[in-house]
């Protein structure tokens, strides 16, 4: 991301339903993907149940239905390299402030601290990374579909307090996406909106 302290951020793999995986990791990875997909279904059902009547009326279909049959969800493994021995500019971060494009993101606890979330006043808060925790972020698609009722979560990854001894950090987000044909608004489907955003950040043309 722009402003990151280390330019060669490595993403080991991205998992979709049909992704070929190394045999040693395939079974466990598929199980994890399936479990996170079902957690996403449950959370979206909770939002459906607790949204206001106006929000529910504005949806093209219930949020949990948007996920049915989707092959767009992506489980990603991200590696933030160690910073020891690297000259780091003052104020640099590992991942600049941003919002995710999808409906919701399920983020398994990172291997080291660094994730921060911004509240509506603009203040940043460190997100714990205790073993077994799952962080849930609202994404831009959810914000669009809900008419802003569920605002997208702004977040970033900051450098260790002491970059001289800062080790590597691993992160595993599950990006929960609806089917491409789902209408997020009167003039945008999920597929069109995703393409539009990927063009903006230089990942599509």
N, C-alpha and C. Protein backbone atom coordinates (compact mmCIF):
# COMPACT_ATOMS: atom_id res chain seq x y z
N UNK A 1 0.83 -1.18 0.00
CA UNK A 1 0.00 0.00 0.00
C UNK A 1 0.87 1.24 0.00
N UNK A 2 0.36 2.34 -0.48
CA UNK A 2 1.11 3.58 -0.52
C UNK A 2 1.52 3.96 0.89
N UNK A 3 2.79 4.31 1.07
CA UNK A 3 3.27 4.70 2.39
C UNK A 3 3.80 3.54 3.19
N UNK A 4 3.76 2.33 2.64
CA UNK A 4 4.27 1.17 3.37
C UNK A 4 5.76 1.27 3.54
N UNK A 5 6.26 0.70 4.64
CA UNK A 5 7.68 0.81 4.95
C UNK A 5 8.50 -0.15 4.11
N UNK A 6 7.90 -1.20 3.60
CA UNK A 6 8.63 -2.20 2.86
C UNK A 6 7.92 -2.45 1.55
N UNK A 7 8.62 -2.30 0.43
CA UNK A 7 7.97 -2.30 -0.87
C UNK A 7 7.62 -3.70 -1.37
N UNK A 8 8.40 -4.72 -0.98
CA UNK A 8 8.16 -6.05 -1.57
C UNK A 8 7.30 -6.93 -0.67
N UNK A 9 6.14 -6.39 -0.29
CA UNK A 9 5.16 -7.16 0.46
C UNK A 9 4.81 -8.41 -0.33
N UNK A 10 4.91 -9.58 0.30
CA UNK A 10 4.69 -10.84 -0.41
C UNK A 10 3.37 -11.47 0.02
N UNK A 11 2.54 -11.83 -0.95
CA UNK A 11 1.32 -12.54 -0.67
C UNK A 11 1.52 -13.97 -1.13
N UNK A 12 1.61 -14.90 -0.19
CA UNK A 12 1.97 -16.27 -0.53
C UNK A 12 0.94 -16.94 -1.41
N UNK A 13 -0.32 -16.85 -1.06
CA UNK A 13 -1.33 -17.39 -1.96
C UNK A 13 -2.69 -16.81 -1.64
N UNK A 14 -3.55 -16.89 -2.65
CA UNK A 14 -4.94 -16.46 -2.52
C UNK A 14 -5.80 -17.66 -2.85
N UNK A 15 -6.74 -17.96 -1.99
CA UNK A 15 -7.54 -19.17 -2.14
C UNK A 15 -8.98 -18.82 -2.52
N UNK A 16 -9.41 -19.32 -3.66
CA UNK A 16 -10.81 -19.32 -4.06
C UNK A 16 -11.28 -20.77 -4.00
N UNK A 17 -12.57 -21.03 -4.19
CA UNK A 17 -13.04 -22.42 -4.09
C UNK A 17 -12.30 -23.40 -4.99
N UNK A 18 -11.88 -22.97 -6.19
CA UNK A 18 -11.27 -23.92 -7.12
C UNK A 18 -9.75 -23.81 -7.19
N UNK A 19 -9.13 -23.08 -6.28
CA UNK A 19 -7.69 -22.89 -6.32
C UNK A 19 -6.94 -24.20 -6.07
N UNK A 20 -5.92 -24.46 -6.88
CA UNK A 20 -5.06 -25.61 -6.64
C UNK A 20 -4.11 -25.28 -5.50
N UNK A 21 -3.99 -26.18 -4.54
CA UNK A 21 -3.19 -25.95 -3.35
C UNK A 21 -2.15 -27.05 -3.16
N UNK A 22 -1.03 -26.75 -2.47
CA UNK A 22 -0.06 -27.79 -2.17
C UNK A 22 -0.71 -28.90 -1.35
N UNK A 23 -0.47 -30.16 -1.66
CA UNK A 23 -1.12 -31.26 -0.93
C UNK A 23 -0.97 -31.18 0.58
N UNK A 24 0.18 -30.70 1.05
CA UNK A 24 0.41 -30.66 2.49
C UNK A 24 -0.53 -29.68 3.20
N UNK A 25 -1.04 -28.67 2.45
CA UNK A 25 -1.89 -27.65 3.06
C UNK A 25 -3.33 -27.68 2.57
N UNK A 26 -3.62 -28.50 1.56
CA UNK A 26 -4.92 -28.44 0.90
C UNK A 26 -6.09 -28.73 1.84
N UNK A 27 -6.02 -29.84 2.58
CA UNK A 27 -7.14 -30.24 3.42
C UNK A 27 -7.46 -29.21 4.49
N UNK A 28 -6.45 -28.80 5.23
CA UNK A 28 -6.66 -27.83 6.30
C UNK A 28 -7.14 -26.49 5.76
N UNK A 29 -6.58 -26.09 4.62
CA UNK A 29 -6.97 -24.80 4.04
C UNK A 29 -8.42 -24.82 3.57
N UNK A 30 -8.83 -25.93 2.95
CA UNK A 30 -10.22 -26.06 2.50
C UNK A 30 -11.18 -26.04 3.70
N UNK A 31 -10.80 -26.73 4.76
CA UNK A 31 -11.65 -26.74 5.96
C UNK A 31 -11.78 -25.34 6.53
N UNK A 32 -10.67 -24.61 6.58
CA UNK A 32 -10.69 -23.25 7.11
C UNK A 32 -11.55 -22.35 6.24
N UNK A 33 -11.40 -22.46 4.92
CA UNK A 33 -12.21 -21.67 4.00
C UNK A 33 -13.69 -21.94 4.24
N UNK A 34 -14.05 -23.21 4.32
CA UNK A 34 -15.45 -23.58 4.52
C UNK A 34 -15.99 -23.05 5.83
N UNK A 35 -15.21 -23.18 6.91
CA UNK A 35 -15.65 -22.70 8.22
C UNK A 35 -15.86 -21.19 8.22
N UNK A 36 -14.92 -20.46 7.61
CA UNK A 36 -15.04 -19.01 7.56
C UNK A 36 -16.21 -18.58 6.68
N UNK A 37 -16.47 -19.32 5.61
CA UNK A 37 -17.62 -19.02 4.76
C UNK A 37 -18.91 -19.14 5.58
N UNK A 38 -19.02 -20.21 6.38
CA UNK A 38 -20.22 -20.40 7.19
C UNK A 38 -20.33 -19.33 8.28
N UNK A 39 -19.21 -18.90 8.85
CA UNK A 39 -19.24 -17.80 9.82
C UNK A 39 -19.75 -16.53 9.14
N UNK A 40 -19.29 -16.29 7.91
CA UNK A 40 -19.77 -15.13 7.16
C UNK A 40 -21.27 -15.18 6.94
N UNK A 41 -21.79 -16.36 6.60
CA UNK A 41 -23.24 -16.52 6.43
C UNK A 41 -23.98 -16.19 7.72
N UNK A 42 -23.45 -16.67 8.84
CA UNK A 42 -24.09 -16.43 10.13
C UNK A 42 -24.10 -14.94 10.47
N UNK A 43 -22.97 -14.26 10.27
CA UNK A 43 -22.89 -12.83 10.60
C UNK A 43 -23.81 -12.00 9.72
N UNK A 44 -23.88 -12.33 8.44
CA UNK A 44 -24.77 -11.59 7.56
C UNK A 44 -26.24 -11.83 7.93
N UNK A 45 -26.55 -13.04 8.39
CA UNK A 45 -27.92 -13.33 8.86
C UNK A 45 -28.24 -12.49 10.09
N UNK A 46 -27.26 -12.33 10.98
CA UNK A 46 -27.47 -11.48 12.16
C UNK A 46 -27.74 -10.04 11.75
N UNK A 47 -26.99 -9.55 10.76
CA UNK A 47 -27.23 -8.19 10.29
C UNK A 47 -28.62 -8.07 9.69
N UNK A 48 -29.03 -9.07 8.92
CA UNK A 48 -30.39 -9.06 8.37
C UNK A 48 -31.43 -8.96 9.49
N UNK A 49 -31.23 -9.72 10.54
CA UNK A 49 -32.20 -9.77 11.64
C UNK A 49 -32.24 -8.47 12.44
N UNK A 50 -31.12 -7.76 12.47
CA UNK A 50 -31.04 -6.58 13.34
C UNK A 50 -31.03 -5.25 12.60
N UNK A 51 -31.06 -5.29 11.28
CA UNK A 51 -31.11 -4.06 10.51
C UNK A 51 -32.48 -3.41 10.65
N UNK A 52 -32.52 -2.11 10.45
CA UNK A 52 -33.80 -1.39 10.52
C UNK A 52 -34.67 -1.78 9.34
N UNK A 53 -35.95 -1.49 9.45
CA UNK A 53 -36.87 -1.80 8.35
C UNK A 53 -36.48 -1.06 7.08
N UNK A 54 -36.01 0.18 7.22
CA UNK A 54 -35.61 0.96 6.06
C UNK A 54 -34.42 0.32 5.34
N UNK A 55 -33.45 -0.17 6.13
CA UNK A 55 -32.29 -0.82 5.52
C UNK A 55 -32.70 -2.09 4.81
N UNK A 56 -33.53 -2.91 5.46
CA UNK A 56 -33.97 -4.16 4.84
C UNK A 56 -34.75 -3.90 3.57
N UNK A 57 -35.57 -2.83 3.59
CA UNK A 57 -36.38 -2.51 2.41
C UNK A 57 -35.51 -2.04 1.24
N UNK A 58 -34.35 -1.47 1.55
CA UNK A 58 -33.46 -0.95 0.51
C UNK A 58 -32.56 -2.00 -0.12
N UNK A 59 -32.48 -3.18 0.49
CA UNK A 59 -31.64 -4.24 -0.05
C UNK A 59 -32.31 -4.93 -1.22
N UNK A 60 -31.55 -5.28 -2.23
CA UNK A 60 -32.11 -6.00 -3.37
C UNK A 60 -32.52 -7.41 -2.98
N UNK A 61 -31.88 -7.95 -1.97
CA UNK A 61 -32.20 -9.25 -1.38
C UNK A 61 -31.52 -9.30 -0.02
N UNK A 62 -31.94 -10.19 0.87
CA UNK A 62 -31.30 -10.26 2.18
C UNK A 62 -29.79 -10.47 2.04
N UNK A 63 -29.02 -9.90 2.96
CA UNK A 63 -27.57 -9.99 2.90
C UNK A 63 -27.09 -11.43 2.85
N UNK A 64 -27.69 -12.28 3.66
CA UNK A 64 -27.23 -13.67 3.67
C UNK A 64 -27.50 -14.36 2.34
N UNK A 65 -28.56 -13.95 1.62
CA UNK A 65 -28.83 -14.52 0.30
C UNK A 65 -27.78 -14.10 -0.73
N UNK A 66 -27.19 -12.91 -0.54
CA UNK A 66 -26.18 -12.42 -1.48
C UNK A 66 -24.97 -13.35 -1.53
N UNK A 67 -24.78 -14.11 -0.47
CA UNK A 67 -23.62 -15.00 -0.39
C UNK A 67 -23.91 -16.39 -0.96
N UNK A 68 -25.19 -16.73 -1.10
CA UNK A 68 -25.54 -18.08 -1.55
C UNK A 68 -25.02 -18.34 -2.96
N UNK A 69 -24.25 -19.40 -3.13
CA UNK A 69 -23.71 -19.75 -4.43
C UNK A 69 -22.52 -18.92 -4.87
N UNK A 70 -22.01 -18.06 -4.00
CA UNK A 70 -20.88 -17.21 -4.38
C UNK A 70 -19.58 -18.01 -4.45
N UNK A 71 -18.83 -17.80 -5.52
CA UNK A 71 -17.49 -18.39 -5.63
C UNK A 71 -16.43 -17.29 -5.62
N UNK A 72 -16.84 -16.11 -5.15
CA UNK A 72 -15.96 -14.94 -5.17
C UNK A 72 -15.20 -14.72 -3.86
N UNK A 73 -15.59 -15.41 -2.79
CA UNK A 73 -14.92 -15.21 -1.50
C UNK A 73 -13.46 -15.65 -1.61
N UNK A 74 -12.59 -14.94 -0.93
CA UNK A 74 -11.15 -15.18 -1.06
C UNK A 74 -10.48 -15.22 0.30
N UNK A 75 -9.75 -16.29 0.56
CA UNK A 75 -8.92 -16.42 1.76
C UNK A 75 -7.49 -16.10 1.34
N UNK A 76 -6.88 -15.16 2.01
CA UNK A 76 -5.57 -14.66 1.58
C UNK A 76 -4.56 -14.84 2.69
N UNK A 77 -3.35 -15.20 2.34
CA UNK A 77 -2.25 -15.26 3.29
C UNK A 77 -1.27 -14.15 2.93
N UNK A 78 -1.03 -13.24 3.86
CA UNK A 78 -0.18 -12.08 3.61
C UNK A 78 1.04 -12.13 4.52
N UNK A 79 2.19 -11.87 3.95
CA UNK A 79 3.45 -11.86 4.69
C UNK A 79 4.02 -10.45 4.69
N UNK A 80 4.14 -9.87 5.88
CA UNK A 80 4.84 -8.60 6.04
C UNK A 80 6.27 -8.93 6.46
N UNK A 81 7.26 -8.69 5.62
CA UNK A 81 8.64 -9.10 5.94
C UNK A 81 9.18 -8.40 7.19
N UNK A 82 10.19 -9.03 7.79
CA UNK A 82 10.87 -8.43 8.94
C UNK A 82 11.51 -7.12 8.53
N UNK A 83 11.61 -6.19 9.47
CA UNK A 83 12.14 -4.86 9.18
C UNK A 83 13.58 -4.67 9.65
N UNK A 84 14.12 -5.66 10.37
CA UNK A 84 15.49 -5.54 10.88
C UNK A 84 16.46 -5.32 9.72
N UNK A 85 17.30 -4.30 9.87
CA UNK A 85 18.30 -4.00 8.85
C UNK A 85 17.78 -3.18 7.69
N UNK A 86 16.53 -2.77 7.73
CA UNK A 86 15.93 -1.98 6.65
C UNK A 86 15.74 -0.54 7.13
N UNK A 87 16.12 0.40 6.29
CA UNK A 87 15.92 1.81 6.64
C UNK A 87 14.45 2.16 6.48
N UNK A 88 13.83 2.58 7.56
CA UNK A 88 12.40 2.87 7.56
C UNK A 88 12.17 4.36 7.78
N UNK A 89 11.43 4.96 6.88
CA UNK A 89 11.12 6.38 7.00
C UNK A 89 10.23 6.64 8.21
N UNK A 90 10.43 7.77 8.85
CA UNK A 90 9.61 8.15 10.00
C UNK A 90 8.14 8.28 9.56
N UNK A 91 7.27 7.67 10.31
CA UNK A 91 5.85 7.74 9.99
C UNK A 91 5.37 6.70 9.00
N UNK A 92 6.29 5.88 8.48
CA UNK A 92 5.90 4.85 7.52
C UNK A 92 5.10 3.75 8.23
N UNK A 93 4.24 3.06 7.48
CA UNK A 93 3.43 1.98 8.03
C UNK A 93 3.56 0.76 7.14
N UNK A 94 3.17 -0.38 7.67
CA UNK A 94 3.24 -1.61 6.87
C UNK A 94 2.12 -1.68 5.84
N UNK A 95 0.96 -1.17 6.17
CA UNK A 95 -0.16 -1.07 5.23
C UNK A 95 -0.91 0.21 5.53
N UNK A 96 -1.01 1.08 4.53
CA UNK A 96 -1.65 2.38 4.73
C UNK A 96 -3.14 2.23 5.02
N UNK A 97 -3.73 3.25 5.61
CA UNK A 97 -5.15 3.24 5.96
C UNK A 97 -5.99 2.98 4.71
N UNK A 98 -6.96 2.07 4.85
CA UNK A 98 -7.82 1.72 3.72
C UNK A 98 -9.07 1.03 4.22
N UNK A 99 -10.02 0.84 3.30
CA UNK A 99 -11.22 0.05 3.57
C UNK A 99 -11.25 -1.11 2.59
N UNK A 100 -11.81 -2.23 3.01
CA UNK A 100 -11.92 -3.38 2.12
C UNK A 100 -13.11 -3.20 1.18
N UNK A 101 -13.05 -3.84 0.01
CA UNK A 101 -14.07 -3.66 -1.01
C UNK A 101 -15.32 -4.51 -0.74
N UNK A 102 -15.17 -5.66 -0.12
CA UNK A 102 -16.19 -6.69 -0.03
C UNK A 102 -17.30 -6.37 0.98
N UNK A 103 -18.15 -7.37 1.27
CA UNK A 103 -19.22 -7.19 2.26
C UNK A 103 -18.65 -7.11 3.67
N UNK A 104 -18.01 -8.19 4.11
CA UNK A 104 -17.34 -8.21 5.41
C UNK A 104 -16.01 -8.96 5.25
N UNK A 105 -15.08 -8.67 6.14
CA UNK A 105 -13.80 -9.38 6.18
C UNK A 105 -13.68 -10.08 7.52
N UNK A 106 -13.31 -11.34 7.48
CA UNK A 106 -13.05 -12.11 8.70
C UNK A 106 -11.54 -12.31 8.78
N UNK A 107 -10.94 -11.73 9.79
CA UNK A 107 -9.48 -11.71 9.89
C UNK A 107 -9.02 -12.54 11.08
N UNK A 108 -8.38 -13.67 10.79
CA UNK A 108 -7.82 -14.47 11.87
C UNK A 108 -6.74 -13.67 12.58
N UNK A 109 -6.58 -13.90 13.88
CA UNK A 109 -5.60 -13.15 14.67
C UNK A 109 -4.24 -13.20 13.99
N UNK A 110 -3.62 -12.04 13.80
CA UNK A 110 -2.31 -11.97 13.17
C UNK A 110 -1.24 -12.60 14.05
N UNK A 111 -0.11 -12.91 13.44
CA UNK A 111 0.99 -13.53 14.18
C UNK A 111 1.70 -12.54 15.07
N UNK A 112 1.45 -11.25 14.90
CA UNK A 112 2.06 -10.20 15.71
C UNK A 112 1.13 -8.99 15.70
N UNK A 113 1.23 -8.11 16.72
CA UNK A 113 0.39 -6.91 16.73
C UNK A 113 0.70 -6.00 15.55
N UNK A 114 -0.12 -4.99 15.38
CA UNK A 114 0.10 -4.01 14.33
C UNK A 114 -1.17 -3.51 13.69
N UNK A 115 -2.23 -4.33 13.69
CA UNK A 115 -3.50 -3.91 13.10
C UNK A 115 -4.15 -2.85 13.97
N UNK A 116 -4.61 -1.78 13.35
CA UNK A 116 -5.35 -0.72 14.03
C UNK A 116 -6.61 -0.39 13.26
N UNK A 117 -7.67 -0.02 13.98
CA UNK A 117 -8.93 0.38 13.37
C UNK A 117 -9.25 1.80 13.79
N UNK A 118 -9.90 2.53 12.90
CA UNK A 118 -10.24 3.93 13.16
C UNK A 118 -11.71 4.06 13.53
N UNK A 119 -11.99 4.83 14.57
CA UNK A 119 -13.39 5.05 14.94
C UNK A 119 -13.93 6.27 14.20
N UNK A 120 -15.20 6.60 14.45
CA UNK A 120 -15.86 7.67 13.69
C UNK A 120 -15.37 9.06 14.05
N UNK A 121 -14.58 9.17 15.11
CA UNK A 121 -13.98 10.47 15.46
C UNK A 121 -12.62 10.64 14.81
N UNK A 122 -12.12 9.60 14.17
CA UNK A 122 -10.80 9.65 13.55
C UNK A 122 -9.69 9.09 14.41
N UNK A 123 -10.01 8.64 15.63
CA UNK A 123 -9.00 8.09 16.52
C UNK A 123 -8.67 6.64 16.13
N UNK A 124 -7.41 6.25 16.30
CA UNK A 124 -6.97 4.89 15.98
C UNK A 124 -6.89 4.05 17.24
N UNK A 125 -7.26 2.77 17.10
CA UNK A 125 -7.26 1.85 18.23
C UNK A 125 -6.54 0.57 17.84
N UNK A 126 -5.63 0.12 18.69
CA UNK A 126 -4.93 -1.13 18.43
C UNK A 126 -5.90 -2.29 18.56
N UNK A 127 -5.85 -3.22 17.61
CA UNK A 127 -6.72 -4.39 17.61
C UNK A 127 -5.94 -5.56 18.22
N UNK A 128 -6.44 -6.18 19.28
CA UNK A 128 -5.72 -7.32 19.89
C UNK A 128 -5.55 -8.46 18.88
N UNK A 129 -4.53 -9.25 19.09
CA UNK A 129 -4.29 -10.40 18.20
C UNK A 129 -4.11 -11.66 19.03
N UNK A 130 -4.95 -11.82 20.05
CA UNK A 130 -4.87 -13.02 20.89
C UNK A 130 -5.25 -14.25 20.08
N UNK A 131 -4.60 -15.33 20.36
CA UNK A 131 -4.83 -16.59 19.65
C UNK A 131 -6.32 -16.97 19.72
N UNK A 132 -6.89 -17.33 18.59
CA UNK A 132 -8.28 -17.74 18.54
C UNK A 132 -9.25 -16.63 18.20
N UNK A 133 -8.77 -15.38 18.17
CA UNK A 133 -9.66 -14.25 17.87
C UNK A 133 -9.91 -14.14 16.37
N UNK A 134 -11.10 -13.65 16.01
CA UNK A 134 -11.41 -13.29 14.63
C UNK A 134 -11.93 -11.86 14.63
N UNK A 135 -11.27 -11.00 13.88
CA UNK A 135 -11.69 -9.61 13.75
C UNK A 135 -12.66 -9.52 12.57
N UNK A 136 -13.74 -8.78 12.74
CA UNK A 136 -14.74 -8.61 11.68
C UNK A 136 -14.77 -7.16 11.25
N UNK A 137 -14.50 -6.91 9.97
CA UNK A 137 -14.56 -5.56 9.41
C UNK A 137 -15.71 -5.48 8.41
N UNK A 138 -16.44 -4.38 8.46
CA UNK A 138 -17.43 -4.09 7.42
C UNK A 138 -16.69 -3.56 6.20
N UNK A 139 -17.17 -3.92 5.00
CA UNK A 139 -16.53 -3.49 3.77
C UNK A 139 -17.39 -2.51 2.98
N UNK A 140 -16.81 -2.00 1.89
CA UNK A 140 -17.50 -0.99 1.09
C UNK A 140 -18.78 -1.50 0.43
N UNK A 141 -18.81 -2.80 0.07
CA UNK A 141 -20.03 -3.33 -0.53
C UNK A 141 -21.18 -3.34 0.46
N UNK A 142 -20.87 -3.64 1.72
CA UNK A 142 -21.91 -3.61 2.75
C UNK A 142 -22.37 -2.18 2.99
N UNK A 143 -21.44 -1.25 3.00
CA UNK A 143 -21.81 0.15 3.17
C UNK A 143 -22.72 0.62 2.04
N UNK A 144 -22.37 0.25 0.81
CA UNK A 144 -23.18 0.65 -0.35
C UNK A 144 -24.55 0.00 -0.31
N UNK A 145 -24.60 -1.31 -0.06
CA UNK A 145 -25.88 -2.02 -0.07
C UNK A 145 -26.81 -1.54 1.04
N UNK A 146 -26.24 -1.13 2.18
CA UNK A 146 -27.06 -0.72 3.32
C UNK A 146 -27.34 0.78 3.34
N UNK A 147 -26.93 1.48 2.29
CA UNK A 147 -27.15 2.92 2.24
C UNK A 147 -26.38 3.66 3.31
N UNK A 148 -25.25 3.10 3.72
CA UNK A 148 -24.41 3.75 4.73
C UNK A 148 -24.74 3.37 6.16
N UNK A 149 -25.75 2.53 6.36
CA UNK A 149 -26.12 2.13 7.72
C UNK A 149 -25.01 1.34 8.40
N UNK A 150 -24.29 0.55 7.61
CA UNK A 150 -23.15 -0.21 8.13
C UNK A 150 -21.89 0.32 7.46
N UNK A 151 -21.25 1.33 8.05
CA UNK A 151 -20.10 1.97 7.40
C UNK A 151 -18.88 1.06 7.33
N UNK A 152 -18.12 1.22 6.27
CA UNK A 152 -16.91 0.44 6.06
C UNK A 152 -15.87 0.78 7.13
N UNK A 153 -15.12 -0.24 7.56
CA UNK A 153 -14.13 -0.08 8.61
C UNK A 153 -12.79 0.37 8.03
N UNK A 154 -12.33 1.55 8.45
CA UNK A 154 -11.01 2.02 8.04
C UNK A 154 -9.97 1.39 8.96
N UNK A 155 -8.93 0.79 8.36
CA UNK A 155 -7.91 0.12 9.17
C UNK A 155 -6.54 0.23 8.50
N UNK A 156 -5.51 -0.06 9.27
CA UNK A 156 -4.14 0.00 8.77
C UNK A 156 -3.29 -0.98 9.57
N UNK A 157 -2.06 -1.20 9.11
CA UNK A 157 -1.10 -2.02 9.86
C UNK A 157 0.14 -1.16 10.09
N UNK A 158 0.45 -0.92 11.35
CA UNK A 158 1.59 -0.06 11.70
C UNK A 158 2.83 -0.90 11.96
N UNK A 159 3.97 -0.23 11.95
CA UNK A 159 5.25 -0.89 12.21
C UNK A 159 5.39 -1.23 13.69
N UNK A 160 6.25 -2.18 14.01
CA UNK A 160 6.55 -2.46 15.42
C UNK A 160 7.15 -1.22 16.09
N UNK A 161 7.00 -1.13 17.40
CA UNK A 161 7.55 0.02 18.13
C UNK A 161 9.05 0.15 17.90
N UNK A 162 9.76 -0.97 17.83
CA UNK A 162 11.19 -0.97 17.56
C UNK A 162 11.43 -1.69 16.25
N UNK A 163 11.59 -0.93 15.15
CA UNK A 163 11.74 -1.55 13.84
C UNK A 163 13.05 -2.32 13.71
N UNK A 164 14.02 -2.02 14.60
CA UNK A 164 15.31 -2.72 14.52
C UNK A 164 15.17 -4.19 14.86
N UNK A 165 14.18 -4.50 15.67
CA UNK A 165 13.97 -5.90 16.06
C UNK A 165 12.63 -6.42 15.57
N UNK A 166 11.97 -5.64 14.73
CA UNK A 166 10.64 -6.04 14.24
C UNK A 166 10.71 -7.25 13.34
N UNK A 167 10.06 -8.32 13.77
CA UNK A 167 10.04 -9.54 12.98
C UNK A 167 8.97 -9.53 11.92
N UNK A 168 8.87 -10.63 11.19
CA UNK A 168 7.84 -10.77 10.16
C UNK A 168 6.46 -10.84 10.80
N UNK A 169 5.46 -10.50 10.03
CA UNK A 169 4.08 -10.60 10.49
C UNK A 169 3.27 -11.31 9.42
N UNK A 170 2.42 -12.25 9.84
CA UNK A 170 1.56 -12.99 8.93
C UNK A 170 0.10 -12.68 9.25
N UNK A 171 -0.69 -12.54 8.21
CA UNK A 171 -2.10 -12.20 8.35
C UNK A 171 -2.92 -13.07 7.41
N UNK A 172 -4.13 -13.51 7.86
CA UNK A 172 -4.99 -14.36 7.03
C UNK A 172 -6.42 -13.80 7.02
N UNK A 173 -6.71 -12.90 6.09
CA UNK A 173 -8.07 -12.39 5.96
C UNK A 173 -8.91 -13.24 5.00
N UNK A 174 -10.18 -13.39 5.34
CA UNK A 174 -11.17 -14.00 4.45
C UNK A 174 -12.10 -12.89 3.98
N UNK A 175 -12.03 -12.57 2.68
CA UNK A 175 -12.84 -11.52 2.11
C UNK A 175 -14.15 -12.13 1.61
N UNK A 176 -15.25 -11.76 2.23
CA UNK A 176 -16.56 -12.34 1.93
C UNK A 176 -17.25 -11.49 0.85
N UNK A 177 -17.39 -12.08 -0.33
CA UNK A 177 -17.96 -11.38 -1.49
C UNK A 177 -19.29 -12.00 -1.89
N UNK A 178 -20.23 -11.18 -2.35
CA UNK A 178 -21.49 -11.71 -2.89
C UNK A 178 -21.29 -12.24 -4.30
N UNK A 179 -22.32 -12.85 -4.86
CA UNK A 179 -22.30 -13.24 -6.26
C UNK A 179 -22.15 -11.99 -7.13
N UNK A 180 -21.48 -12.07 -8.28
CA UNK A 180 -21.25 -10.88 -9.11
C UNK A 180 -22.52 -10.18 -9.56
N UNK A 181 -23.60 -10.95 -9.77
CA UNK A 181 -24.83 -10.34 -10.30
C UNK A 181 -25.69 -9.66 -9.23
N UNK A 182 -25.31 -9.77 -7.97
CA UNK A 182 -26.09 -9.16 -6.90
C UNK A 182 -26.12 -7.64 -7.06
N UNK A 183 -27.29 -7.03 -6.97
CA UNK A 183 -27.42 -5.58 -7.05
C UNK A 183 -27.12 -4.96 -5.69
N UNK A 184 -26.07 -4.16 -5.64
CA UNK A 184 -25.73 -3.45 -4.40
C UNK A 184 -26.47 -2.13 -4.29
N UNK A 185 -26.81 -1.56 -5.43
CA UNK A 185 -27.57 -0.32 -5.49
C UNK A 185 -28.36 -0.33 -6.79
N UNK A 186 -29.07 0.74 -7.07
CA UNK A 186 -29.90 0.77 -8.28
C UNK A 186 -29.06 0.70 -9.55
N UNK A 187 -27.80 1.16 -9.48
CA UNK A 187 -27.00 1.21 -10.70
C UNK A 187 -25.70 0.42 -10.64
N UNK A 188 -25.50 -0.40 -9.58
CA UNK A 188 -24.24 -1.14 -9.48
C UNK A 188 -24.47 -2.56 -8.98
N UNK A 189 -23.96 -3.50 -9.78
CA UNK A 189 -23.90 -4.88 -9.30
C UNK A 189 -22.58 -5.09 -8.57
N UNK A 190 -22.49 -6.18 -7.82
CA UNK A 190 -21.26 -6.47 -7.09
C UNK A 190 -20.09 -6.65 -8.05
N UNK A 191 -20.33 -7.34 -9.18
CA UNK A 191 -19.27 -7.55 -10.15
C UNK A 191 -18.77 -6.25 -10.75
N UNK A 192 -19.69 -5.38 -11.12
CA UNK A 192 -19.30 -4.10 -11.71
C UNK A 192 -18.58 -3.22 -10.70
N UNK A 193 -19.07 -3.24 -9.47
CA UNK A 193 -18.44 -2.42 -8.44
C UNK A 193 -17.03 -2.92 -8.13
N UNK A 194 -16.86 -4.24 -8.05
CA UNK A 194 -15.54 -4.81 -7.79
C UNK A 194 -14.57 -4.41 -8.90
N UNK A 195 -15.00 -4.52 -10.16
CA UNK A 195 -14.12 -4.15 -11.27
C UNK A 195 -13.76 -2.67 -11.21
N UNK A 196 -14.74 -1.85 -10.92
CA UNK A 196 -14.50 -0.41 -10.82
C UNK A 196 -13.44 -0.09 -9.77
N UNK A 197 -13.53 -0.74 -8.62
CA UNK A 197 -12.57 -0.49 -7.53
C UNK A 197 -11.20 -1.05 -7.86
N UNK A 198 -11.14 -2.21 -8.52
CA UNK A 198 -9.85 -2.79 -8.89
C UNK A 198 -9.14 -1.92 -9.92
N UNK A 199 -9.90 -1.30 -10.81
CA UNK A 199 -9.30 -0.36 -11.77
C UNK A 199 -8.72 0.84 -11.03
N UNK A 200 -9.44 1.33 -10.03
CA UNK A 200 -8.98 2.48 -9.25
C UNK A 200 -7.62 2.23 -8.58
N UNK A 201 -7.41 1.01 -8.12
CA UNK A 201 -6.17 0.72 -7.40
C UNK A 201 -5.12 0.04 -8.30
N UNK A 202 -5.40 -0.01 -9.60
CA UNK A 202 -4.41 -0.49 -10.55
C UNK A 202 -4.30 -2.00 -10.68
N UNK A 203 -5.30 -2.75 -10.22
CA UNK A 203 -5.26 -4.20 -10.31
C UNK A 203 -6.12 -4.75 -11.44
N UNK A 204 -6.74 -3.86 -12.21
CA UNK A 204 -7.54 -4.26 -13.37
C UNK A 204 -7.53 -3.10 -14.36
N UNK A 205 -7.94 -3.40 -15.58
CA UNK A 205 -7.97 -2.34 -16.60
C UNK A 205 -9.27 -2.43 -17.39
